[in-house]
PDB file of all heavy atoms in Angstrom:
ATOM      1  N   VAL A   1     -34.999 -26.400  -1.760  1.00  0.00           N
ATOM      2  CA  VAL A   1     -35.888 -27.562  -1.615  1.00  0.00           C
ATOM      3  C   VAL A   1     -37.335 -27.104  -1.532  1.00  0.00           C
ATOM      4  O   VAL A   1     -38.240 -27.707  -2.143  1.00  0.00           O
ATOM      5  CB  VAL A   1     -35.496 -28.398  -0.378  1.00  0.00           C
ATOM      6  CG1 VAL A   1     -36.524 -29.485  -0.114  1.00  0.00           C
ATOM      7  CG2 VAL A   1     -34.123 -29.025  -0.577  1.00  0.00           C
ATOM      8  N   ASN A   2     -37.610 -26.042  -0.788  1.00  0.00           N
ATOM      9  CA  ASN A   2     -38.979 -25.535  -0.674  1.00  0.00           C
ATOM     10  C   ASN A   2     -39.509 -25.060  -2.033  1.00  0.00           C
ATOM     11  O   ASN A   2     -40.677 -25.285  -2.375  1.00  0.00           O
ATOM     12  CB  ASN A   2     -39.040 -24.390   0.336  1.00  0.00           C
ATOM     13  CG  ASN A   2     -38.965 -24.886   1.780  1.00  0.00           C
ATOM     14  OD1 ASN A   2     -39.495 -25.953   2.098  1.00  0.00           O
ATOM     15  ND2 ASN A   2     -38.310 -24.124   2.648  1.00  0.00           N
ATOM     16  N   LYS A   3     -38.673 -24.367  -2.806  1.00  0.00           N
ATOM     17  CA  LYS A   3     -39.095 -23.923  -4.136  1.00  0.00           C
ATOM     18  C   LYS A   3     -39.365 -25.104  -5.057  1.00  0.00           C
ATOM     19  O   LYS A   3     -40.325 -25.111  -5.825  1.00  0.00           O
ATOM     20  CB  LYS A   3     -38.023 -23.026  -4.743  1.00  0.00           C
ATOM     21  CG  LYS A   3     -37.922 -21.662  -4.108  1.00  0.00           C
ATOM     22  CD  LYS A   3     -36.848 -20.812  -4.789  1.00  0.00           C
ATOM     23  CE  LYS A   3     -36.751 -19.430  -4.153  1.00  0.00           C
ATOM     24  NZ  LYS A   3     -35.692 -18.598  -4.800  1.00  0.00           N
ATOM     25  N   PHE A   4     -38.503 -26.126  -4.945  1.00  0.00           N
ATOM     26  CA  PHE A   4     -38.691 -27.313  -5.782  1.00  0.00           C
ATOM     27  C   PHE A   4     -40.016 -28.008  -5.439  1.00  0.00           C
ATOM     28  O   PHE A   4     -40.767 -28.418  -6.340  1.00  0.00           O
ATOM     29  CB  PHE A   4     -37.504 -28.269  -5.575  1.00  0.00           C
ATOM     30  CG  PHE A   4     -37.520 -29.470  -6.459  1.00  0.00           C
ATOM     31  CD1 PHE A   4     -36.931 -29.422  -7.716  1.00  0.00           C
ATOM     32  CD2 PHE A   4     -38.135 -30.653  -6.056  1.00  0.00           C
ATOM     33  CE1 PHE A   4     -36.945 -30.533  -8.547  1.00  0.00           C
ATOM     34  CE2 PHE A   4     -38.145 -31.762  -6.878  1.00  0.00           C
ATOM     35  CZ  PHE A   4     -37.554 -31.703  -8.121  1.00  0.00           C
ATOM     36  N   ILE A   5     -40.306 -28.117  -4.144  1.00  0.00           N
ATOM     37  CA  ILE A   5     -41.553 -28.760  -3.726  1.00  0.00           C
ATOM     38  C   ILE A   5     -42.760 -27.932  -4.179  1.00  0.00           C
ATOM     39  O   ILE A   5     -43.782 -28.472  -4.625  1.00  0.00           O
ATOM     40  CB  ILE A   5     -41.568 -28.960  -2.197  1.00  0.00           C
ATOM     41  CG1 ILE A   5     -40.486 -29.983  -1.784  1.00  0.00           C
ATOM     42  CG2 ILE A   5     -42.936 -29.431  -1.717  1.00  0.00           C
ATOM     43  CD1 ILE A   5     -40.316 -30.130  -0.285  1.00  0.00           C
ATOM     44  N   GLY A   6     -42.647 -26.594  -4.052  1.00  0.00           N
ATOM     45  CA  GLY A   6     -43.758 -25.737  -4.473  1.00  0.00           C
ATOM     46  C   GLY A   6     -44.090 -25.881  -5.946  1.00  0.00           C
ATOM     47  O   GLY A   6     -45.252 -25.733  -6.349  1.00  0.00           O
ATOM     48  N   LYS A   7     -43.093 -26.169  -6.782  1.00  0.00           N
ATOM     49  CA  LYS A   7     -43.326 -26.322  -8.216  1.00  0.00           C
ATOM     50  C   LYS A   7     -43.867 -27.717  -8.557  1.00  0.00           C
ATOM     51  O   LYS A   7     -44.708 -27.851  -9.459  1.00  0.00           O
ATOM     52  CB  LYS A   7     -42.032 -26.086  -8.985  1.00  0.00           C
ATOM     53  CG  LYS A   7     -41.537 -24.640  -8.943  1.00  0.00           C
ATOM     54  CD  LYS A   7     -40.248 -24.496  -9.724  1.00  0.00           C
ATOM     55  CE  LYS A   7     -39.727 -23.054  -9.681  1.00  0.00           C
ATOM     56  NZ  LYS A   7     -38.455 -22.916 -10.434  1.00  0.00           N
ATOM     57  N   LYS A   8     -43.373 -28.733  -7.876  1.00  0.00           N
ATOM     58  CA  LYS A   8     -43.678 -30.104  -8.270  1.00  0.00           C
ATOM     59  C   LYS A   8     -44.892 -30.696  -7.541  1.00  0.00           C
ATOM     60  O   LYS A   8     -45.541 -31.607  -8.062  1.00  0.00           O
ATOM     61  CB  LYS A   8     -42.465 -31.001  -7.990  1.00  0.00           C
ATOM     62  CG  LYS A   8     -41.208 -30.613  -8.771  1.00  0.00           C
ATOM     63  CD  LYS A   8     -41.368 -30.869 -10.259  1.00  0.00           C
ATOM     64  CE  LYS A   8     -40.080 -30.580 -11.005  1.00  0.00           C
ATOM     65  NZ  LYS A   8     -40.203 -30.857 -12.467  1.00  0.00           N
ATOM     66  N   PHE A   9     -45.198 -30.210  -6.339  1.00  0.00           N
ATOM     67  CA  PHE A   9     -46.251 -30.842  -5.536  1.00  0.00           C
ATOM     68  C   PHE A   9     -47.634 -30.456  -6.063  1.00  0.00           C
ATOM     69  O   PHE A   9     -47.914 -29.285  -6.332  1.00  0.00           O
ATOM     70  CB  PHE A   9     -46.124 -30.425  -4.068  1.00  0.00           C
ATOM     71  CG  PHE A   9     -46.947 -31.272  -3.132  1.00  0.00           C
ATOM     72  CD1 PHE A   9     -46.451 -32.445  -2.604  1.00  0.00           C
ATOM     73  CD2 PHE A   9     -48.242 -30.892  -2.787  1.00  0.00           C
ATOM     74  CE1 PHE A   9     -47.212 -33.222  -1.745  1.00  0.00           C
ATOM     75  CE2 PHE A   9     -49.009 -31.655  -1.927  1.00  0.00           C
ATOM     76  CZ  PHE A   9     -48.496 -32.833  -1.406  1.00  0.00           C
ATOM     77  N   ASN A  10     -48.497 -31.444  -6.198  1.00  0.00           N
ATOM     78  CA  ASN A  10     -49.861 -31.237  -6.690  1.00  0.00           C
ATOM     79  C   ASN A  10     -50.775 -30.891  -5.509  1.00  0.00           C
ATOM     80  O   ASN A  10     -51.252 -31.784  -4.785  1.00  0.00           O
ATOM     81  CB  ASN A  10     -50.359 -32.492  -7.410  1.00  0.00           C
ATOM     82  CG  ASN A  10     -51.735 -32.317  -8.011  1.00  0.00           C
ATOM     83  OD1 ASN A  10     -52.258 -31.194  -8.097  1.00  0.00           O
ATOM     84  ND2 ASN A  10     -52.334 -33.423  -8.444  1.00  0.00           N
ATOM     85  N   THR A  11     -51.014 -29.607  -5.306  1.00  0.00           N
ATOM     86  CA  THR A  11     -51.838 -29.184  -4.173  1.00  0.00           C
ATOM     87  C   THR A  11     -53.316 -29.465  -4.390  1.00  0.00           C
ATOM     88  O   THR A  11     -54.102 -29.472  -3.430  1.00  0.00           O
ATOM     89  CB  THR A  11     -51.635 -27.680  -3.925  1.00  0.00           C
ATOM     90  OG1 THR A  11     -51.934 -26.961  -5.121  1.00  0.00           O
ATOM     91  CG2 THR A  11     -50.193 -27.406  -3.504  1.00  0.00           C
ATOM     92  N   ASP A  12     -53.742 -29.675  -5.639  1.00  0.00           N
ATOM     93  CA  ASP A  12     -55.148 -29.980  -5.911  1.00  0.00           C
ATOM     94  C   ASP A  12     -55.508 -31.415  -5.539  1.00  0.00           C
ATOM     95  O   ASP A  12     -56.689 -31.792  -5.578  1.00  0.00           O
ATOM     96  CB  ASP A  12     -55.452 -29.761  -7.399  1.00  0.00           C
ATOM     97  CG  ASP A  12     -55.273 -28.303  -7.801  1.00  0.00           C
ATOM     98  OD1 ASP A  12     -55.424 -27.427  -6.911  1.00  0.00           O
ATOM     99  OD2 ASP A  12     -54.965 -28.044  -8.984  1.00  0.00           O
ATOM    100  N   LEU A  13     -54.506 -32.193  -5.175  1.00  0.00           N
ATOM    101  CA  LEU A  13     -54.769 -33.596  -4.843  1.00  0.00           C
ATOM    102  C   LEU A  13     -55.638 -33.728  -3.599  1.00  0.00           C
ATOM    103  O   LEU A  13     -56.446 -34.663  -3.492  1.00  0.00           O
ATOM    104  CB  LEU A  13     -53.432 -34.332  -4.640  1.00  0.00           C
ATOM    105  CG  LEU A  13     -53.514 -35.820  -4.319  1.00  0.00           C
ATOM    106  CD1 LEU A  13     -54.156 -36.594  -5.471  1.00  0.00           C
ATOM    107  CD2 LEU A  13     -52.108 -36.371  -4.034  1.00  0.00           C
ATOM    108  N   ALA A  14     -55.474 -32.792  -2.638  1.00  0.00           N
ATOM    109  CA  ALA A  14     -56.256 -32.872  -1.404  1.00  0.00           C
ATOM    110  C   ALA A  14     -57.745 -32.774  -1.687  1.00  0.00           C
ATOM    111  O   ALA A  14     -58.562 -33.495  -1.096  1.00  0.00           O
ATOM    112  CB  ALA A  14     -55.812 -31.771  -0.438  1.00  0.00           C
ATOM    113  N   SER A  15     -58.138 -31.881  -2.609  1.00  0.00           N
ATOM    114  CA  SER A  15     -59.560 -31.760  -2.961  1.00  0.00           C
ATOM    115  C   SER A  15     -60.056 -33.004  -3.668  1.00  0.00           C
ATOM    116  O   SER A  15     -61.188 -33.463  -3.451  1.00  0.00           O
ATOM    117  CB  SER A  15     -59.777 -30.533  -3.852  1.00  0.00           C
ATOM    118  OG  SER A  15     -59.380 -29.348  -3.164  1.00  0.00           O
ATOM    119  N   ASP A  16     -59.221 -33.576  -4.529  1.00  0.00           N
ATOM    120  CA  ASP A  16     -59.614 -34.801  -5.230  1.00  0.00           C
ATOM    121  C   ASP A  16     -59.799 -35.967  -4.251  1.00  0.00           C
ATOM    122  O   ASP A  16     -60.616 -36.856  -4.500  1.00  0.00           O
ATOM    123  CB  ASP A  16     -58.565 -35.168  -6.276  1.00  0.00           C
ATOM    124  CG  ASP A  16     -58.436 -34.081  -7.351  1.00  0.00           C
ATOM    125  OD1 ASP A  16     -59.389 -33.278  -7.502  1.00  0.00           O
ATOM    126  OD2 ASP A  16     -57.374 -34.027  -7.999  1.00  0.00           O
ATOM    127  N   LEU A  17     -59.037 -35.952  -3.155  1.00  0.00           N
ATOM    128  CA  LEU A  17     -59.153 -37.019  -2.154  1.00  0.00           C
ATOM    129  C   LEU A  17     -60.321 -36.803  -1.201  1.00  0.00           C
ATOM    130  O   LEU A  17     -60.572 -37.646  -0.334  1.00  0.00           O
ATOM    131  CB  LEU A  17     -57.844 -37.131  -1.343  1.00  0.00           C
ATOM    132  CG  LEU A  17     -56.601 -37.544  -2.132  1.00  0.00           C
ATOM    133  CD1 LEU A  17     -55.358 -37.461  -1.247  1.00  0.00           C
ATOM    134  CD2 LEU A  17     -56.768 -38.958  -2.666  1.00  0.00           C
ATOM    135  N   GLY A  18     -61.024 -35.665  -1.326  1.00  0.00           N
ATOM    136  CA  GLY A  18     -62.168 -35.403  -0.468  1.00  0.00           C
ATOM    137  C   GLY A  18     -61.823 -34.903   0.908  1.00  0.00           C
ATOM    138  O   GLY A  18     -62.633 -35.018   1.834  1.00  0.00           O
ATOM    139  N   LEU A  19     -60.634 -34.329   1.074  1.00  0.00           N
ATOM    140  CA  LEU A  19     -60.234 -33.813   2.375  1.00  0.00           C
ATOM    141  C   LEU A  19     -60.915 -32.475   2.637  1.00  0.00           C
ATOM    142  O   LEU A  19     -61.131 -31.682   1.703  1.00  0.00           O
ATOM    143  CB  LEU A  19     -58.715 -33.652   2.431  1.00  0.00           C
ATOM    144  CG  LEU A  19     -57.895 -34.942   2.294  1.00  0.00           C
ATOM    145  CD1 LEU A  19     -56.410 -34.631   2.320  1.00  0.00           C
ATOM    146  CD2 LEU A  19     -58.243 -35.929   3.405  1.00  0.00           C
ATOM    147  N   PRO A  20     -61.260 -32.179   3.881  1.00  0.00           N
ATOM    148  CA  PRO A  20     -61.926 -30.905   4.179  1.00  0.00           C
ATOM    149  C   PRO A  20     -60.971 -29.738   3.981  1.00  0.00           C
ATOM    150  O   PRO A  20     -59.744 -29.899   4.018  1.00  0.00           O
ATOM    151  CB  PRO A  20     -62.328 -31.057   5.650  1.00  0.00           C
ATOM    152  CG  PRO A  20     -61.375 -32.057   6.199  1.00  0.00           C
ATOM    153  CD  PRO A  20     -61.079 -33.015   5.078  1.00  0.00           C
ATOM    154  N   PRO A  21     -61.489 -28.531   3.750  1.00  0.00           N
ATOM    155  CA  PRO A  21     -60.610 -27.365   3.564  1.00  0.00           C
ATOM    156  C   PRO A  21     -59.846 -27.035   4.834  1.00  0.00           C
ATOM    157  O   PRO A  21     -60.256 -27.355   5.940  1.00  0.00           O
ATOM    158  CB  PRO A  21     -61.594 -26.254   3.180  1.00  0.00           C
ATOM    159  CG  PRO A  21     -62.916 -26.698   3.719  1.00  0.00           C
ATOM    160  CD  PRO A  21     -62.919 -28.195   3.638  1.00  0.00           C
ATOM    161  N   GLY A  22     -58.710 -26.370   4.662  1.00  0.00           N
ATOM    162  CA  GLY A  22     -57.868 -26.007   5.785  1.00  0.00           C
ATOM    163  C   GLY A  22     -56.414 -26.255   5.475  1.00  0.00           C
ATOM    164  O   GLY A  22     -56.034 -26.668   4.363  1.00  0.00           O
ATOM    165  N   LYS A  23     -55.564 -25.997   6.451  1.00  0.00           N
ATOM    166  CA  LYS A  23     -54.113 -26.152   6.272  1.00  0.00           C
ATOM    167  C   LYS A  23     -53.736 -27.619   6.455  1.00  0.00           C
ATOM    168  O   LYS A  23     -54.125 -28.273   7.424  1.00  0.00           O
ATOM    169  CB  LYS A  23     -53.372 -25.288   7.291  1.00  0.00           C
ATOM    170  CG  LYS A  23     -51.853 -25.304   7.115  1.00  0.00           C
ATOM    171  CD  LYS A  23     -51.178 -24.409   8.143  1.00  0.00           C
ATOM    172  CE  LYS A  23     -51.479 -22.940   7.854  1.00  0.00           C
ATOM    173  NZ  LYS A  23     -50.724 -22.053   8.766  1.00  0.00           N
ATOM    174  N   LYS A  24     -52.975 -28.143   5.526  1.00  0.00           N
ATOM    175  CA  LYS A  24     -52.503 -29.523   5.565  1.00  0.00           C
ATOM    176  C   LYS A  24     -50.984 -29.521   5.729  1.00  0.00           C
ATOM    177  O   LYS A  24     -50.279 -28.724   5.107  1.00  0.00           O
ATOM    178  CB  LYS A  24     -52.887 -30.281   4.285  1.00  0.00           C
ATOM    179  CG  LYS A  24     -54.373 -30.229   3.952  1.00  0.00           C
ATOM    180  CD  LYS A  24     -55.226 -30.797   5.067  1.00  0.00           C
ATOM    181  CE  LYS A  24     -56.711 -30.649   4.751  1.00  0.00           C
ATOM    182  NZ  LYS A  24     -57.560 -31.092   5.859  1.00  0.00           N
TER     183      LYS A  24
END
């Protein structure tokens, strides 16, 4: 499940949403 999420989840979305840097 973790590998599947790592492949499919769009991690760049946080920057597009204007969230500050750091662990989410």
